[in-house]
Amino acid sequence: MNVKVACVGGGPAGLYLSILLKLRDPSHDITVHERNPEGSTYGWGVTYWRGLLDRLHAHDPASARAVEEHSVRWRDGVAHVGGHTVRHHGDEGFGIGRHRLLEILAARARALGVRLEHEHEVRADRLPDADLVVAADGVGSALRTRYAGHFGTEVRAGRNHYIWLGTTKVFDAFTFAFAETDHGWIWAYGYGYGYGPGGSTCVVECAPETWSGLGLDRADEAEGLVVLEKLFADVLDGHPLTGRSGRGAGASWLTFRTLTNRTWSRGNLVLLGDAAHTTHYSIGAGTTLALEDAMSLAAALGEPVALRDALARYEQERRAALLPVQSAARHSAQWYENLPRYIRLPPQEMFALLGQRHSPLLPYVPPRLYHRIDRAAGRLETLRRLKRRLGPRIARTVEARNLAARG
């Protein structure tokens, strides 16, 4: 059956959904409306892991091959703190420039017959004439905001300040750098692939008192970059930091907004990706979750059920999948907000707990004791099984209680 779909927002979620729907039924009439000019994007590199790549290959091998070909990869994590460097060999990670990812998905969508309309802003009070309207227009979604009362939208601001930057320094591993100042600690996450493969993305974060103490609240963009370059000179090896499209261009400090919604659909309007939910950037899951939303929604729409039932199935499936991820993201953000609890540990222990920051158990156990238990669990199968069972169970319980309390 021919279905008319209007997707508002040309990010990864909206483009990938249009691809999957066209693959399921080429007769579907699908238009993606994007308010920005084609080729413009406001992000640096995005990260993902092997699991997502495998799912992309299963759903659309053509676009998956292109994504993999244009990605960089790493296996090591490196932490620089207090003059010490610790390297850890881990799972394979991938990075790709957001602009490159969008180019790949847009080209694939066009090849399948999807219409892409750039510089076309859909008014929230005048939805497109379509059987299904998909709000994939990001955390600031105008369509969701228009009906915020119905969706039960809640936004919670995090405590720390952060800024997305690029650098010409090419990191060969996922890099953490912690710098102590007279006003507290400031830290950076760096990984290969920034605006292009010849550079990297660098996210800098600090507590509010450190941000204001260093004068970053008063500095203009160029002055702020100079301050950060001096603080992270060792890890940058003399390379500069840049804003979005050049030195000091488009770089702004933010506080992370965790967004949830009580329901994800209203009639024939459904939320997708960041319009429906956000998770803290420190777990690097935003793009992955958006693409997985698209996979789930496409599958639900392919079932022989009424639209209302398909949207309910999509929401139920994704809510369940998000619970442990939301818990991990919340605990990760809290780990950084409570950095003084961990930063004075011996470097190996500190880095080990950095890798365990998603754990719902960690905030309730003294750090050095947790580290000893974790090492023992690695050696003893009984403890390892217990930890695997308890962690996700506690995460689901805590997250469900938090959601219920907010509702």
Protein backbone atom coordinates (compact mmCIF):
# COMPACT_ATOMS: atom_id res chain seq x y z
CA MET A 1 0.00 0.00 0.00
CA ASN A 2 1.34 3.41 -0.95
CA VAL A 3 1.95 5.52 2.15
CA LYS A 4 2.81 9.20 2.18
CA VAL A 5 5.44 10.08 4.79
CA ALA A 6 6.77 13.54 5.67
CA CYS A 7 9.95 13.48 7.71
CA VAL A 8 10.76 16.81 9.34
CA GLY A 9 14.51 16.95 9.94
CA GLY A 10 17.32 15.73 7.70
CA GLY A 11 19.64 14.32 10.36
CA PRO A 12 20.76 10.69 10.58
CA ALA A 13 17.48 9.47 12.08
CA GLY A 14 15.20 11.03 9.46
CA LEU A 15 17.39 10.08 6.50
CA TYR A 16 17.88 6.49 7.65
CA LEU A 17 14.16 6.03 8.30
CA SER A 18 13.40 7.22 4.76
CA ILE A 19 15.94 4.71 3.39
CA LEU A 20 14.47 1.79 5.31
CA LEU A 21 10.89 2.65 4.37
CA LYS A 22 11.82 2.88 0.69
CA LEU A 23 13.63 -0.44 0.86
CA ARG A 24 10.54 -2.06 2.36
CA ASP A 25 8.22 -0.60 -0.26
CA PRO A 26 9.52 1.54 -3.16
CA SER A 27 5.98 2.85 -3.77
CA HIS A 28 5.99 4.84 -0.54
CA ASP A 29 5.92 8.61 -1.14
CA ILE A 30 8.58 9.99 1.21
CA THR A 31 9.84 13.54 1.60
CA VAL A 32 12.50 14.72 4.02
CA HIS A 33 12.21 18.40 4.93
CA GLU A 34 15.40 20.06 6.22
CA ARG A 35 15.50 23.71 7.19
CA ASN A 36 19.29 24.12 6.70
CA PRO A 37 21.10 24.35 3.35
CA GLU A 38 22.40 21.12 1.90
CA GLY A 39 25.94 20.36 3.05
CA SER A 40 25.70 22.38 6.25
CA THR A 41 25.97 20.61 9.57
CA TYR A 42 26.56 21.70 13.12
CA GLY A 43 28.44 18.78 14.57
CA TRP A 44 31.92 17.31 14.54
CA GLY A 45 32.67 13.62 14.60
CA VAL A 46 30.25 10.99 15.93
CA THR A 47 31.26 7.72 17.55
CA TYR A 48 29.76 4.26 17.30
CA TRP A 49 30.67 0.63 17.98
CA ARG A 50 30.77 -2.65 16.10
CA GLY A 51 27.26 -3.61 17.20
CA LEU A 52 25.72 -0.69 15.33
CA LEU A 53 27.80 -1.38 12.23
CA ASP A 54 26.58 -4.97 12.20
CA ARG A 55 22.95 -3.79 12.42
CA LEU A 56 23.51 -1.27 9.60
CA HIS A 57 24.87 -4.06 7.39
CA ALA A 58 21.81 -6.19 8.20
CA HIS A 59 19.35 -3.42 7.31
CA ASP A 60 21.04 -1.78 4.30
CA PRO A 61 24.42 -3.18 3.22
CA ALA A 62 24.96 -0.43 0.63
CA SER A 63 24.93 2.50 3.05
CA ALA A 64 26.69 0.43 5.74
CA ARG A 65 29.64 -0.25 3.44
CA ALA A 66 29.98 3.46 2.69
CA VAL A 67 29.80 4.38 6.38
CA GLU A 68 32.46 1.81 7.29
CA GLU A 69 34.72 2.90 4.42
CA HIS A 70 34.69 6.53 5.58
CA SER A 71 35.15 5.80 9.29
CA VAL A 72 38.29 5.77 11.37
CA ARG A 73 38.69 3.11 14.05
CA TRP A 74 40.55 2.58 17.30
CA ARG A 75 40.93 -0.07 19.99
CA ASP A 76 42.87 1.78 22.67
CA GLY A 77 41.77 4.27 25.29
CA VAL A 78 44.35 6.66 26.75
CA ALA A 79 44.06 8.79 29.88
CA HIS A 80 46.42 11.65 30.74
CA VAL A 81 46.23 12.82 34.37
CA GLY A 82 48.72 14.31 36.81
CA GLY A 83 51.70 13.80 34.51
CA HIS A 84 50.84 10.11 34.08
CA THR A 85 49.59 8.36 30.94
CA VAL A 86 47.62 5.11 31.08
CA ARG A 87 46.70 3.12 27.97
CA HIS A 88 44.04 0.43 27.89
CA HIS A 89 43.29 -1.99 25.05
CA GLY A 90 39.54 -2.41 24.57
CA ASP A 91 36.71 -2.95 22.13
CA GLU A 92 36.87 -1.60 18.60
CA GLY A 93 35.38 1.88 18.25
CA PHE A 94 34.60 3.94 15.15
CA GLY A 95 34.38 7.62 14.31
CA ILE A 96 32.94 9.40 11.30
CA GLY A 97 32.34 13.08 10.57
CA ARG A 98 28.69 14.00 10.97
CA HIS A 99 28.78 15.82 7.63
CA ARG A 100 30.19 12.70 5.91
CA LEU A 101 27.54 10.48 7.49
CA LEU A 102 24.79 12.84 6.29
CA GLU A 103 26.26 12.91 2.77
CA ILE A 104 26.24 9.11 2.63
CA LEU A 105 22.68 8.76 3.90
CA ALA A 106 21.36 11.60 1.72
CA ALA A 107 22.90 10.08 -1.42
CA ARG A 108 21.45 6.67 -0.60
CA ALA A 109 18.00 8.14 0.10
CA ARG A 110 17.98 10.03 -3.19
CA ALA A 111 19.07 6.91 -5.09
CA LEU A 112 16.04 5.11 -3.67
CA GLY A 113 13.63 7.86 -4.72
CA VAL A 114 13.27 9.90 -1.52
CA ARG A 115 12.69 13.64 -2.06
CA LEU A 116 15.01 15.85 -0.04
CA GLU A 117 13.88 19.44 0.40
CA HIS A 118 16.56 21.65 1.95
CA GLU A 119 16.04 25.19 3.23
CA HIS A 120 12.44 24.25 3.87
CA GLU A 121 11.20 24.84 7.41
CA VAL A 122 7.94 23.12 8.29
CA ARG A 123 5.69 25.26 10.48
CA ALA A 124 4.61 23.57 13.69
CA ASP A 125 1.07 24.90 13.30
CA ARG A 126 0.76 23.61 9.72
CA LEU A 127 1.86 20.00 9.47
CA PRO A 128 2.49 18.51 6.03
CA ASP A 129 -0.35 16.65 4.34
CA ALA A 130 0.80 13.06 4.88
CA ASP A 131 -0.30 9.74 6.33
CA LEU A 132 2.60 9.94 8.77
CA VAL A 133 4.57 12.97 9.97
CA VAL A 134 7.89 12.19 11.65
CA ALA A 135 9.37 14.80 13.98
CA ALA A 136 13.09 14.15 13.58
CA ASP A 137 14.05 17.78 14.12
CA GLY A 138 16.31 17.35 17.12
CA VAL A 139 16.32 18.24 20.79
CA GLY A 140 14.81 21.67 20.02
CA SER A 141 12.02 20.11 17.91
CA ALA A 142 9.46 22.77 16.97
CA LEU A 143 6.85 20.09 16.27
CA ARG A 144 7.28 18.51 19.70
CA THR A 145 7.36 21.91 21.41
CA ARG A 146 4.05 22.85 19.77
CA TYR A 147 2.38 19.91 21.54
CA ALA A 148 4.64 19.72 24.59
CA GLY A 149 1.67 19.35 26.91
CA HIS A 150 0.47 16.27 25.05
CA PHE A 151 3.93 14.70 24.80
CA GLY A 152 4.73 15.45 28.44
CA THR A 153 8.12 16.88 27.56
CA GLU A 154 10.60 17.33 30.38
CA VAL A 155 14.08 18.84 30.03
CA ARG A 156 16.68 18.69 32.80
CA ALA A 157 19.90 20.69 32.54
CA GLY A 158 23.14 19.12 33.69
CA ARG A 159 25.52 20.85 36.08
CA ASN A 160 28.75 20.99 34.07
CA HIS A 161 29.63 23.21 31.13
CA TYR A 162 30.98 21.73 27.90
CA ILE A 163 32.02 22.81 24.42
CA TRP A 164 32.48 20.92 21.13
CA LEU A 165 35.68 21.77 19.26
CA GLY A 166 37.93 20.43 16.55
CA THR A 167 41.68 20.12 16.27
CA THR A 168 44.21 19.27 13.59
CA LYS A 169 45.80 16.85 16.05
CA VAL A 170 44.93 13.27 14.96
CA PHE A 171 44.35 11.05 17.98
CA ASP A 172 45.25 7.38 17.46
CA ALA A 173 43.12 6.32 20.45
CA PHE A 174 40.09 7.56 22.33
CA THR A 175 41.84 10.09 24.55
CA PHE A 176 40.93 11.52 27.95
CA ALA A 177 42.98 14.42 29.34
CA PHE A 178 42.51 15.88 32.82
CA ALA A 179 44.15 19.19 33.75
CA GLU A 180 44.23 20.66 37.25
CA THR A 181 43.89 24.43 37.64
CA ASP A 182 43.66 26.83 40.57
CA HIS A 183 39.89 26.70 40.09
CA GLY A 184 39.41 22.95 39.85
CA TRP A 185 39.74 20.28 37.20
CA ILE A 186 38.96 20.61 33.49
CA TRP A 187 39.05 17.72 31.07
CA ALA A 188 38.80 16.85 27.40
CA TYR A 189 37.66 13.88 25.34
CA GLY A 190 39.42 13.52 22.00
CA TYR A 191 38.85 11.05 19.18
CA GLY A 192 39.79 10.70 15.55
CA TYR A 193 37.69 12.37 12.84
CA GLY A 194 36.54 15.91 13.29
CA TYR A 195 35.16 17.85 10.35
CA GLY A 196 37.37 15.65 8.16
CA PRO A 197 39.65 12.62 8.55
CA GLY A 198 42.72 14.86 8.91
CA GLY A 199 41.76 15.99 12.39
CA SER A 200 39.87 15.08 15.53
CA THR A 201 36.92 16.05 17.67
CA CYS A 202 37.69 17.47 21.11
CA VAL A 203 35.01 17.98 23.77
CA VAL A 204 36.02 20.03 26.82
CA GLU A 205 34.07 19.91 30.09
CA CYS A 206 34.35 21.42 33.56
CA ALA A 207 32.35 22.34 36.64
CA PRO A 208 30.64 25.77 36.73
CA GLU A 209 33.07 27.15 39.31
CA THR A 210 36.03 26.13 37.15
CA TRP A 211 34.41 27.63 34.06
CA SER A 212 33.89 31.00 35.71
CA GLY A 213 37.17 30.86 37.66
CA LEU A 214 39.15 30.48 34.42
CA GLY A 215 37.24 33.41 32.92
CA LEU A 216 35.66 31.23 30.22
CA ASP A 217 32.26 32.73 30.99
CA ARG A 218 33.61 36.16 30.01
CA ALA A 219 36.11 35.31 27.26
CA ASP A 220 35.16 35.64 23.62
CA GLU A 221 35.55 32.55 21.44
CA ALA A 222 39.13 33.19 20.33
CA GLU A 223 40.28 34.06 23.88
CA GLY A 224 38.64 30.93 25.24
CA LEU A 225 40.42 28.73 22.71
CA VAL A 226 43.78 30.20 23.73
CA VAL A 227 43.07 29.33 27.37
CA LEU A 228 42.14 25.76 26.48
CA GLU A 229 45.13 25.28 24.17
CA LYS A 230 47.47 26.22 27.02
CA LEU A 231 45.72 23.88 29.46
CA PHE A 232 45.89 20.92 27.05
CA ALA A 233 49.16 21.79 25.28
CA ASP A 234 50.76 18.43 26.12
CA VAL A 235 48.00 16.31 24.65
CA LEU A 236 47.50 18.61 21.64
CA ASP A 237 51.23 18.56 20.75
CA GLY A 238 51.05 22.20 19.72
CA HIS A 239 48.03 21.77 17.43
CA PRO A 240 45.33 24.46 17.58
CA LEU A 241 41.70 24.10 18.63
CA THR A 242 39.03 25.37 16.26
CA GLY A 243 35.37 26.28 16.35
CA ARG A 244 32.82 24.89 13.93
CA SER A 245 34.30 26.13 10.66
CA GLY A 246 37.45 27.90 11.73
CA ARG A 247 39.23 29.41 14.66
CA GLY A 248 36.69 30.87 17.03
CA ALA A 249 33.80 30.25 14.62
CA GLY A 250 30.68 28.81 16.15
CA ALA A 251 32.21 27.55 19.41
CA SER A 252 29.87 28.01 22.38
CA TRP A 253 29.66 26.62 25.90
CA LEU A 254 26.56 24.62 26.78
CA THR A 255 25.03 22.59 29.57
CA PHE A 256 23.68 19.22 28.50
CA ARG A 257 19.90 18.90 28.32
CA THR A 258 18.46 15.49 29.13
CA LEU A 259 15.10 15.30 27.39
CA THR A 260 12.30 12.79 28.01
CA ASN A 261 8.69 12.56 26.86
CA ARG A 262 5.72 10.85 28.47
CA THR A 263 4.47 9.69 25.08
CA TRP A 264 6.06 9.74 21.62
CA SER A 265 3.07 10.08 19.29
CA ARG A 266 0.03 12.23 18.70
CA GLY A 267 -2.32 11.01 16.00
CA ASN A 268 -0.18 10.62 12.88
CA LEU A 269 2.75 12.60 14.37
CA VAL A 270 5.61 10.60 15.91
CA LEU A 271 8.90 11.60 17.57
CA LEU A 272 12.23 10.14 16.45
CA GLY A 273 15.79 10.42 17.75
CA ASP A 274 16.73 13.48 19.81
CA ALA A 275 13.21 14.86 19.46
CA ALA A 276 12.08 11.93 21.63
CA HIS A 277 15.03 11.47 24.01
CA THR A 278 18.61 12.49 24.68
CA THR A 279 21.44 10.76 26.53
CA HIS A 280 24.58 12.40 27.86
CA TYR A 281 27.31 12.77 25.23
CA SER A 282 29.91 11.10 27.46
CA ILE A 283 28.64 7.64 26.47
CA GLY A 284 28.76 8.46 22.75
CA ALA A 285 25.40 6.88 21.96
CA GLY A 286 23.28 9.69 20.49
CA THR A 287 23.65 8.83 16.80
CA THR A 288 23.45 5.11 17.49
CA LEU A 289 20.17 5.50 19.36
CA ALA A 290 18.73 7.71 16.61
CA LEU A 291 19.54 5.14 13.93
CA GLU A 292 18.15 2.33 16.08
CA ASP A 293 14.94 4.36 16.52
CA ALA A 294 14.68 4.48 12.73
CA MET A 295 15.17 0.70 12.47
CA SER A 296 12.48 0.06 15.06
CA LEU A 297 9.96 2.50 13.59
CA ALA A 298 10.45 1.15 10.06
CA ALA A 299 9.90 -2.41 11.30
CA ALA A 300 6.76 -1.44 13.23
CA LEU A 301 5.32 0.39 10.21
CA GLY A 302 5.92 -2.73 8.11
CA GLU A 303 3.56 -4.80 10.26
CA PRO A 304 -0.05 -5.33 9.08
CA VAL A 305 -1.55 -3.28 11.91
CA ALA A 306 -3.21 0.11 12.28
CA LEU A 307 -0.91 3.14 12.44
CA ARG A 308 -1.79 3.76 16.09
CA ASP A 309 -0.77 0.22 17.01
CA ALA A 310 2.44 0.43 14.99
CA LEU A 311 3.47 3.66 16.73
CA ALA A 312 2.64 2.16 20.13
CA ARG A 313 4.75 -0.90 19.34
CA TYR A 314 7.67 1.29 18.25
CA GLU A 315 7.49 3.36 21.42
CA GLN A 316 7.23 0.33 23.69
CA GLU A 317 10.20 -1.38 22.06
CA ARG A 318 12.44 1.66 22.16
CA ARG A 319 11.53 2.64 25.71
CA ALA A 320 12.57 -0.81 26.91
CA ALA A 321 15.83 -0.64 24.96
CA LEU A 322 16.59 2.85 26.29
CA LEU A 323 16.25 2.10 30.01
CA PRO A 324 19.77 0.68 30.55
CA VAL A 325 21.30 3.26 28.19
CA GLN A 326 19.63 6.16 30.00
CA SER A 327 20.86 4.77 33.31
CA ALA A 328 24.39 4.42 31.96
CA ALA A 329 24.30 7.98 30.60
CA ARG A 330 23.06 9.41 33.87
CA HIS A 331 25.73 7.62 35.90
CA SER A 332 28.41 8.64 33.40
CA ALA A 333 27.43 12.31 33.71
CA GLN A 334 27.40 12.01 37.50
CA TRP A 335 30.87 10.42 37.49
CA TYR A 336 32.30 13.53 35.86
CA GLU A 337 30.26 15.83 38.10
CA ASN A 338 31.81 14.00 41.08
CA LEU A 339 35.32 13.87 39.60
CA PRO A 340 37.10 14.82 42.88
CA ARG A 341 35.91 11.47 44.28
CA TYR A 342 38.09 9.62 41.75
CA ILE A 343 40.80 11.92 40.43
CA ARG A 344 43.30 11.38 43.29
CA LEU A 345 43.32 7.60 42.92
CA PRO A 346 46.44 5.93 41.49
CA PRO A 347 46.29 6.44 37.69
CA GLN A 348 45.58 2.79 36.86
CA GLU A 349 42.71 2.66 39.35
CA MET A 350 41.33 6.01 38.26
CA PHE A 351 41.31 4.95 34.61
CA ALA A 352 39.73 1.60 35.51
CA LEU A 353 36.87 3.40 37.26
CA LEU A 354 36.60 5.82 34.36
CA GLY A 355 35.77 2.74 32.28
CA GLN A 356 33.25 1.65 34.94
CA ARG A 357 31.53 5.04 35.20
CA HIS A 358 28.26 3.64 33.78
CA SER A 359 27.84 1.30 36.73
CA PRO A 360 24.83 1.91 39.01
CA LEU A 361 26.86 0.33 41.83
CA LEU A 362 29.88 2.65 41.68
CA PRO A 363 28.32 5.72 43.39
CA TYR A 364 27.45 3.61 46.43
CA VAL A 365 30.75 1.78 46.95
CA PRO A 366 34.04 3.40 48.06
CA PRO A 367 36.11 3.78 44.86
CA ARG A 368 39.12 1.72 45.97
CA LEU A 369 36.87 -1.06 47.29
CA TYR A 370 34.91 -1.06 44.03
CA HIS A 371 38.16 -1.36 42.09
CA ARG A 372 39.23 -4.37 44.17
CA ILE A 373 35.83 -6.03 43.74
CA ASP A 374 35.90 -5.35 40.01
CA ARG A 375 39.36 -6.92 39.67
CA ALA A 376 38.24 -9.94 41.67
CA ALA A 377 35.13 -10.25 39.51
CA GLY A 378 37.38 -10.34 36.47
CA ARG A 379 39.17 -13.38 37.89
CA LEU A 380 36.26 -15.26 39.50
CA GLU A 381 33.43 -16.48 37.30
CA THR A 382 30.91 -16.50 40.16
CA LEU A 383 31.49 -12.83 40.96
CA ARG A 384 31.50 -11.97 37.26
CA ARG A 385 28.09 -13.58 36.78
CA LEU A 386 26.73 -11.84 39.89
CA LYS A 387 27.95 -8.45 38.66
CA ARG A 388 26.44 -9.02 35.21
CA ARG A 389 23.07 -9.86 36.79
CA LEU A 390 23.00 -7.16 39.43
CA GLY A 391 24.23 -4.23 37.34
CA PRO A 392 21.51 -4.19 34.63
CA ARG A 393 18.82 -5.10 37.17
CA ILE A 394 19.73 -2.19 39.43
CA ALA A 395 20.02 0.10 36.40
CA ARG A 396 16.52 -0.80 35.17
CA THR A 397 15.01 -0.46 38.64
CA VAL A 398 16.62 2.91 39.37
CA GLU A 399 15.75 4.33 35.94
CA ALA A 400 12.14 3.10 36.13
CA ARG A 401 11.75 4.69 39.57
CA ASN A 402 13.23 7.97 38.34
CA LEU A 403 10.86 8.03 35.38
CA ALA A 404 7.88 7.22 37.61
CA ALA A 405 8.86 9.96 40.07
CA ARG A 406 9.13 12.51 37.26
CA GLY A 407 5.81 11.39 35.79
